[in-house]
Amino acid sequence: MNGVRPAALAPAPLCDYCGHAHDTLIVVGVVHSASGPGRTMRACPPCRTARRLLPLADHPADSLGLVLVEPRL
C-alpha cells in the first residue's frame, strides 16, 4: 500500500420530511433566509406523494419557490 487512503463515499442525501437517506430526491421548494444562505427542500417520492408536494420544476412562473401543495382533484 502506498499510504493513500481511498476517498470516503459521500453519504446519501436525506429527505427533509422523513429524514431517511434516499438516492432519488425531488426538489419541492426553497427556504429563504434574511441573514444567511437559504436551503433547498427535498422530498423522497413516498413523502412527496403522501404530502402532495408540488415539485419545484412544476411551480408557476411567478412562484417564490416556497413549498406548494398540489390541489385535490
PDB file of N, CA and C in Angstrom:
ATOM      1  N   MET A   1       0.847  -1.171   0.000  1.00  0.00           N
ATOM      2  CA  MET A   1       0.000   0.000   0.000  1.00  0.00           C
ATOM      3  C   MET A   1       0.888   1.227   0.000  1.00  0.00           C
ATOM      4  N   ASN A   2       0.485   2.251  -0.720  1.00  0.00           N
ATOM      5  CA  ASN A   2       1.316   3.447  -0.854  1.00  0.00           C
ATOM      6  C   ASN A   2       0.966   4.552   0.138  1.00  0.00           C
ATOM      7  N   GLY A   3       0.124   4.262   1.114  1.00  0.00           N
ATOM      8  CA  GLY A   3      -0.217   5.230   2.141  1.00  0.00           C
ATOM      9  C   GLY A   3      -1.357   6.158   1.769  1.00  0.00           C
ATOM     10  N   VAL A   4      -1.926   5.997   0.587  1.00  0.00           N
ATOM     11  CA  VAL A   4      -3.049   6.832   0.174  1.00  0.00           C
ATOM     12  C   VAL A   4      -4.343   6.125   0.566  1.00  0.00           C
ATOM     13  N   ARG A   5      -5.177   6.827   1.311  1.00  0.00           N
ATOM     14  CA  ARG A   5      -6.456   6.255   1.724  1.00  0.00           C
ATOM     15  C   ARG A   5      -7.494   6.452   0.623  1.00  0.00           C
ATOM     16  N   PRO A   6      -8.399   5.491   0.460  1.00  0.00           N
ATOM     17  CA  PRO A   6      -9.468   5.688  -0.526  1.00  0.00           C
ATOM     18  C   PRO A   6     -10.397   6.817  -0.072  1.00  0.00           C
ATOM     19  N   ALA A   7     -10.933   7.520  -1.041  1.00  0.00           N
ATOM     20  CA  ALA A   7     -11.851   8.626  -0.722  1.00  0.00           C
ATOM     21  C   ALA A   7     -13.100   8.073  -0.057  1.00  0.00           C
ATOM     22  N   ALA A   8     -13.557   8.777   0.950  1.00  0.00           N
ATOM     23  CA  ALA A   8     -14.779   8.366   1.641  1.00  0.00           C
ATOM     24  C   ALA A   8     -15.976   8.610   0.726  1.00  0.00           C
ATOM     25  N   LEU A   9     -16.900   7.690   0.763  1.00  0.00           N
ATOM     26  CA  LEU A   9     -18.113   7.852  -0.025  1.00  0.00           C
ATOM     27  C   LEU A   9     -18.985   8.924   0.617  1.00  0.00           C
ATOM     28  N   ALA A  10     -19.559   9.747  -0.216  1.00  0.00           N
ATOM     29  CA  ALA A  10     -20.461  10.782   0.293  1.00  0.00           C
ATOM     30  C   ALA A  10     -21.731  10.109   0.805  1.00  0.00           C
ATOM     31  N   PRO A  11     -22.250  10.555   1.937  1.00  0.00           N
ATOM     32  CA  PRO A  11     -23.494   9.952   2.434  1.00  0.00           C
ATOM     33  C   PRO A  11     -24.653  10.258   1.502  1.00  0.00           C
ATOM     34  N   ALA A  12     -25.601   9.346   1.470  1.00  0.00           N
ATOM     35  CA  ALA A  12     -26.787   9.565   0.646  1.00  0.00           C
ATOM     36  C   ALA A  12     -27.559  10.753   1.211  1.00  0.00           C
ATOM     37  N   PRO A  13     -28.129  11.584   0.360  1.00  0.00           N
ATOM     38  CA  PRO A  13     -28.889  12.737   0.852  1.00  0.00           C
ATOM     39  C   PRO A  13     -30.135  12.296   1.616  1.00  0.00           C
ATOM     40  N   LEU A  14     -30.560  13.131   2.546  1.00  0.00           N
ATOM     41  CA  LEU A  14     -31.703  12.817   3.402  1.00  0.00           C
ATOM     42  C   LEU A  14     -32.950  13.565   2.949  1.00  0.00           C
ATOM     43  N   CYS A  15     -34.076  12.912   3.079  1.00  0.00           N
ATOM     44  CA  CYS A  15     -35.369  13.544   2.830  1.00  0.00           C
ATOM     45  C   CYS A  15     -35.626  14.534   3.962  1.00  0.00           C
ATOM     46  N   ASP A  16     -36.062  15.743   3.632  1.00  0.00           N
ATOM     47  CA  ASP A  16     -36.340  16.751   4.659  1.00  0.00           C
ATOM     48  C   ASP A  16     -37.619  16.462   5.427  1.00  0.00           C
ATOM     49  N   TYR A  17     -38.402  15.488   5.009  1.00  0.00           N
ATOM     50  CA  TYR A  17     -39.673  15.191   5.662  1.00  0.00           C
ATOM     51  C   TYR A  17     -39.610  13.945   6.531  1.00  0.00           C
ATOM     52  N   CYS A  18     -39.009  12.872   6.044  1.00  0.00           N
ATOM     53  CA  CYS A  18     -38.939  11.639   6.842  1.00  0.00           C
ATOM     54  C   CYS A  18     -37.558  11.423   7.450  1.00  0.00           C
ATOM     55  N   GLY A  19     -36.542  12.109   6.932  1.00  0.00           N
ATOM     56  CA  GLY A  19     -35.202  12.010   7.480  1.00  0.00           C
ATOM     57  C   GLY A  19     -34.419  10.782   7.047  1.00  0.00           C
ATOM     58  N   HIS A  20     -34.973   9.980   6.154  1.00  0.00           N
ATOM     59  CA  HIS A  20     -34.280   8.784   5.690  1.00  0.00           C
ATOM     60  C   HIS A  20     -33.417   9.108   4.471  1.00  0.00           C
ATOM     61  N   ALA A  21     -32.343   8.344   4.313  1.00  0.00           N
ATOM     62  CA  ALA A  21     -31.461   8.514   3.163  1.00  0.00           C
ATOM     63  C   ALA A  21     -32.107   7.911   1.922  1.00  0.00           C
ATOM     64  N   HIS A  22     -32.039   8.640   0.819  1.00  0.00           N
ATOM     65  CA  HIS A  22     -32.605   8.195  -0.445  1.00  0.00           C
ATOM     66  C   HIS A  22     -31.669   8.592  -1.572  1.00  0.00           C
ATOM     67  N   ASP A  23     -31.609   7.757  -2.594  1.00  0.00           N
ATOM     68  CA  ASP A  23     -30.821   8.104  -3.778  1.00  0.00           C
ATOM     69  C   ASP A  23     -31.588   9.051  -4.695  1.00  0.00           C
ATOM     70  N   THR A  24     -32.897   8.996  -4.639  1.00  0.00           N
ATOM     71  CA  THR A  24     -33.736   9.822  -5.506  1.00  0.00           C
ATOM     72  C   THR A  24     -34.547  10.781  -4.650  1.00  0.00           C
ATOM     73  N   LEU A  25     -34.208  12.059  -4.713  1.00  0.00           N
ATOM     74  CA  LEU A  25     -34.965  13.088  -4.002  1.00  0.00           C
ATOM     75  C   LEU A  25     -35.492  14.096  -5.015  1.00  0.00           C
ATOM     76  N   ILE A  26     -36.634  14.674  -4.707  1.00  0.00           N
ATOM     77  CA  ILE A  26     -37.277  15.641  -5.583  1.00  0.00           C
ATOM     78  C   ILE A  26     -37.226  16.995  -4.889  1.00  0.00           C
ATOM     79  N   VAL A  27     -36.730  18.012  -5.576  1.00  0.00           N
ATOM     80  CA  VAL A  27     -36.701  19.361  -5.019  1.00  0.00           C
ATOM     81  C   VAL A  27     -38.130  19.899  -5.029  1.00  0.00           C
ATOM     82  N   VAL A  28     -38.623  20.270  -3.841  1.00  0.00           N
ATOM     83  CA  VAL A  28     -40.011  20.733  -3.720  1.00  0.00           C
ATOM     84  C   VAL A  28     -40.121  22.199  -3.324  1.00  0.00           C
ATOM     85  N   GLY A  29     -39.023  22.837  -3.013  1.00  0.00           N
ATOM     86  CA  GLY A  29     -39.092  24.248  -2.653  1.00  0.00           C
ATOM     87  C   GLY A  29     -37.778  24.773  -2.117  1.00  0.00           C
ATOM     88  N   VAL A  30     -37.806  26.049  -1.792  1.00  0.00           N
ATOM     89  CA  VAL A  30     -36.633  26.732  -1.263  1.00  0.00           C
ATOM     90  C   VAL A  30     -37.055  27.480  -0.006  1.00  0.00           C
ATOM     91  N   VAL A  31     -36.231  27.404   1.028  1.00  0.00           N
ATOM     92  CA  VAL A  31     -36.470  28.168   2.249  1.00  0.00           C
ATOM     93  C   VAL A  31     -35.540  29.374   2.188  1.00  0.00           C
ATOM     94  N   HIS A  32     -36.117  30.553   2.161  1.00  0.00           N
ATOM     95  CA  HIS A  32     -35.339  31.787   2.077  1.00  0.00           C
ATOM     96  C   HIS A  32     -34.887  32.208   3.469  1.00  0.00           C
ATOM     97  N   SER A  33     -33.754  32.892   3.538  1.00  0.00           N
ATOM     98  CA  SER A  33     -33.226  33.355   4.811  1.00  0.00           C
ATOM     99  C   SER A  33     -32.745  34.787   4.652  1.00  0.00           C
ATOM    100  N   ALA A  34     -33.089  35.625   5.607  1.00  0.00           N
ATOM    101  CA  ALA A  34     -32.692  37.029   5.536  1.00  0.00           C
ATOM    102  C   ALA A  34     -31.254  37.244   5.986  1.00  0.00           C
ATOM    103  N   SER A  35     -30.742  36.388   6.843  1.00  0.00           N
ATOM    104  CA  SER A  35     -29.424  36.641   7.410  1.00  0.00           C
ATOM    105  C   SER A  35     -28.352  35.643   6.966  1.00  0.00           C
ATOM    106  N   GLY A  36     -28.667  34.815   6.007  1.00  0.00           N
ATOM    107  CA  GLY A  36     -27.681  33.843   5.542  1.00  0.00           C
ATOM    108  C   GLY A  36     -28.224  33.092   4.352  1.00  0.00           C
ATOM    109  N   PRO A  37     -27.496  32.064   3.946  1.00  0.00           N
ATOM    110  CA  PRO A  37     -27.969  31.319   2.786  1.00  0.00           C
ATOM    111  C   PRO A  37     -29.242  30.548   3.098  1.00  0.00           C
ATOM    112  N   GLY A  38     -30.116  30.474   2.141  1.00  0.00           N
ATOM    113  CA  GLY A  38     -31.325  29.670   2.291  1.00  0.00           C
ATOM    114  C   GLY A  38     -30.973  28.211   2.068  1.00  0.00           C
ATOM    115  N   ARG A  39     -31.974  27.393   1.912  1.00  0.00           N
ATOM    116  CA  ARG A  39     -31.706  25.983   1.640  1.00  0.00           C
ATOM    117  C   ARG A  39     -32.780  25.415   0.751  1.00  0.00           C
ATOM    118  N   THR A  40     -32.432  24.352   0.090  1.00  0.00           N
ATOM    119  CA  THR A  40     -33.340  23.659  -0.806  1.00  0.00           C
ATOM    120  C   THR A  40     -34.048  22.562  -0.034  1.00  0.00           C
ATOM    121  N   MET A  41     -35.354  22.479  -0.190  1.00  0.00           N
ATOM    122  CA  MET A  41     -36.145  21.426   0.453  1.00  0.00           C
ATOM    123  C   MET A  41     -36.302  20.277  -0.534  1.00  0.00           C
ATOM    124  N   ARG A  42     -35.981  19.067  -0.062  1.00  0.00           N
ATOM    125  CA  ARG A  42     -36.068  17.873  -0.898  1.00  0.00           C
ATOM    126  C   ARG A  42     -36.951  16.839  -0.225  1.00  0.00           C
ATOM    127  N   ALA A  43     -37.685  16.087  -1.036  1.00  0.00           N
ATOM    128  CA  ALA A  43     -38.561  15.037  -0.516  1.00  0.00           C
ATOM    129  C   ALA A  43     -38.342  13.754  -1.310  1.00  0.00           C
ATOM    130  N   CYS A  44     -38.428  12.627  -0.619  1.00  0.00           N
ATOM    131  CA  CYS A  44     -38.367  11.339  -1.299  1.00  0.00           C
ATOM    132  C   CYS A  44     -39.704  11.129  -2.010  1.00  0.00           C
ATOM    133  N   PRO A  45     -39.759  10.262  -2.999  1.00  0.00           N
ATOM    134  CA  PRO A  45     -41.029  10.041  -3.708  1.00  0.00           C
ATOM    135  C   PRO A  45     -42.198   9.663  -2.799  1.00  0.00           C
ATOM    136  N   PRO A  46     -42.034   8.778  -1.796  1.00  0.00           N
ATOM    137  CA  PRO A  46     -43.183   8.477  -0.933  1.00  0.00           C
ATOM    138  C   PRO A  46     -43.680   9.689  -0.138  1.00  0.00           C
ATOM    139  N   CYS A  47     -42.776  10.508   0.387  1.00  0.00           N
ATOM    140  CA  CYS A  47     -43.187  11.708   1.140  1.00  0.00           C
ATOM    141  C   CYS A  47     -43.821  12.728   0.206  1.00  0.00           C
ATOM    142  N   ARG A  48     -43.284  12.877  -0.995  1.00  0.00           N
ATOM    143  CA  ARG A  48     -43.850  13.827  -1.946  1.00  0.00           C
ATOM    144  C   ARG A  48     -45.287  13.449  -2.281  1.00  0.00           C
ATOM    145  N   THR A  49     -45.525  12.160  -2.483  1.00  0.00           N
ATOM    146  CA  THR A  49     -46.869  11.702  -2.814  1.00  0.00           C
ATOM    147  C   THR A  49     -47.808  11.821  -1.616  1.00  0.00           C
ATOM    148  N   ALA A  50     -47.366  11.370  -0.455  1.00  0.00           N
ATOM    149  CA  ALA A  50     -48.215  11.381   0.742  1.00  0.00           C
ATOM    150  C   ALA A  50     -48.590  12.800   1.156  1.00  0.00           C
ATOM    151  N   ARG A  51     -47.678  13.747   0.979  1.00  0.00           N
ATOM    152  CA  ARG A  51     -47.932  15.134   1.386  1.00  0.00           C
ATOM    153  C   ARG A  51     -48.405  16.012   0.231  1.00  0.00           C
ATOM    154  N   ARG A  52     -48.521  15.405  -0.962  1.00  0.00           N
ATOM    155  CA  ARG A  52     -48.977  16.103  -2.161  1.00  0.00           C
ATOM    156  C   ARG A  52     -48.103  17.316  -2.479  1.00  0.00           C
ATOM    157  N   LEU A  53     -46.788  17.192  -2.317  1.00  0.00           N
ATOM    158  CA  LEU A  53     -45.869  18.296  -2.557  1.00  0.00           C
ATOM    159  C   LEU A  53     -45.649  18.481  -4.051  1.00  0.00           C
ATOM    160  N   LEU A  54     -45.742  19.702  -4.508  1.00  0.00           N
ATOM    161  CA  LEU A  54     -45.552  20.020  -5.914  1.00  0.00           C
ATOM    162  C   LEU A  54     -44.055  20.182  -6.182  1.00  0.00           C
ATOM    163  N   PRO A  55     -43.493  19.435  -7.135  1.00  0.00           N
ATOM    164  CA  PRO A  55     -42.067  19.606  -7.452  1.00  0.00           C
ATOM    165  C   PRO A  55     -41.772  21.053  -7.868  1.00  0.00           C
ATOM    166  N   LEU A  56     -40.616  21.548  -7.502  1.00  0.00           N
ATOM    167  CA  LEU A  56     -40.248  22.930  -7.810  1.00  0.00           C
ATOM    168  C   LEU A  56     -40.281  23.178  -9.315  1.00  0.00           C
ATOM    169  N   ALA A  57     -39.943  22.189 -10.109  1.00  0.00           N
ATOM    170  CA  ALA A  57     -39.960  22.343 -11.565  1.00  0.00           C
ATOM    171  C   ALA A  57     -41.367  22.596 -12.097  1.00  0.00           C
ATOM    172  N   ASP A  58     -42.393  22.230 -11.334  1.00  0.00           N
ATOM    173  CA  ASP A  58     -43.783  22.417 -11.757  1.00  0.00           C
ATOM    174  C   ASP A  58     -44.448  23.648 -11.146  1.00  0.00           C
ATOM    175  N   HIS A  59     -43.705  24.447 -10.385  1.00  0.00           N
ATOM    176  CA  HIS A  59     -44.264  25.661  -9.784  1.00  0.00           C
ATOM    177  C   HIS A  59     -44.616  26.668 -10.873  1.00  0.00           C
ATOM    178  N   PRO A  60     -45.609  27.519 -10.617  1.00  0.00           N
ATOM    179  CA  PRO A  60     -45.934  28.586 -11.579  1.00  0.00           C
ATOM    180  C   PRO A  60     -44.737  29.531 -11.757  1.00  0.00           C
ATOM    181  N   ALA A  61     -44.698  30.207 -12.889  1.00  0.00           N
ATOM    182  CA  ALA A  61     -43.568  31.096 -13.197  1.00  0.00           C
ATOM    183  C   ALA A  61     -43.395  32.210 -12.174  1.00  0.00           C
ATOM    184  N   ASP A  62     -44.479  32.664 -11.539  1.00  0.00           N
ATOM    185  CA  ASP A  62     -44.385  33.763 -10.575  1.00  0.00           C
ATOM    186  C   ASP A  62     -44.199  33.271  -9.135  1.00  0.00           C
ATOM    187  N   SER A  63     -43.896  32.005  -8.966  1.00  0.00           N
ATOM    188  CA  SER A  63     -43.711  31.426  -7.641  1.00  0.00           C
ATOM    189  C   SER A  63     -42.433  31.946  -6.987  1.00  0.00           C
ATOM    190  N   LEU A  64     -42.464  32.092  -5.681  1.00  0.00           N
ATOM    191  CA  LEU A  64     -41.273  32.492  -4.933  1.00  0.00           C
ATOM    192  C   LEU A  64     -40.409  31.289  -4.556  1.00  0.00           C
ATOM    193  N   GLY A  65     -40.857  30.096  -4.901  1.00  0.00           N
ATOM    194  CA  GLY A  65     -40.092  28.898  -4.606  1.00  0.00           C
ATOM    195  C   GLY A  65     -40.455  28.246  -3.287  1.00  0.00           C
ATOM    196  N   LEU A  66     -41.444  28.795  -2.586  1.00  0.00           N
ATOM    197  CA  LEU A  66     -41.872  28.191  -1.331  1.00  0.00           C
ATOM    198  C   LEU A  66     -42.519  26.841  -1.613  1.00  0.00           C
ATOM    199  N   VAL A  67     -42.536  25.973  -0.631  1.00  0.00           N
ATOM    200  CA  VAL A  67     -43.134  24.654  -0.796  1.00  0.00           C
ATOM    201  C   VAL A  67     -44.626  24.807  -1.070  1.00  0.00           C
ATOM    202  N   LEU A  68     -45.099  24.200  -2.149  1.00  0.00           N
ATOM    203  CA  LEU A  68     -46.508  24.253  -2.526  1.00  0.00           C
ATOM    204  C   LEU A  68     -47.107  22.853  -2.493  1.00  0.00           C
ATOM    205  N   VAL A  69     -48.400  22.789  -2.232  1.00  0.00           N
ATOM    206  CA  VAL A  69     -49.122  21.524  -2.182  1.00  0.00           C
ATOM    207  C   VAL A  69     -49.996  21.440  -3.419  1.00  0.00           C
ATOM    208  N   GLU A  70     -50.020  20.248  -4.026  1.00  0.00           N
ATOM    209  CA  GLU A  70     -50.870  20.040  -5.197  1.00  0.00           C
ATOM    210  C   GLU A  70     -52.340  20.133  -4.792  1.00  0.00           C
ATOM    211  N   PRO A  71     -53.169  20.713  -5.644  1.00  0.00           N
ATOM    212  CA  PRO A  71     -54.594  20.798  -5.311  1.00  0.00           C
ATOM    213  C   PRO A  71     -55.240  19.412  -5.342  1.00  0.00           C
ATOM    214  N   ARG A  72     -56.253  19.238  -4.521  1.00  0.00           N
ATOM    215  CA  ARG A  72     -57.008  17.977  -4.533  1.00  0.00           C
ATOM    216  C   ARG A  72     -57.902  17.956  -5.749  1.00  0.00           C
ATOM    217  N   LEU A  73     -57.998  16.788  -6.345  1.00  0.00           N
ATOM    218  CA  LEU A  73     -58.871  16.653  -7.519  1.00  0.00           C
ATOM    219  C   LEU A  73     -60.167  16.011  -7.145  1.00  0.00           C
TER     220      LEU A  73
END
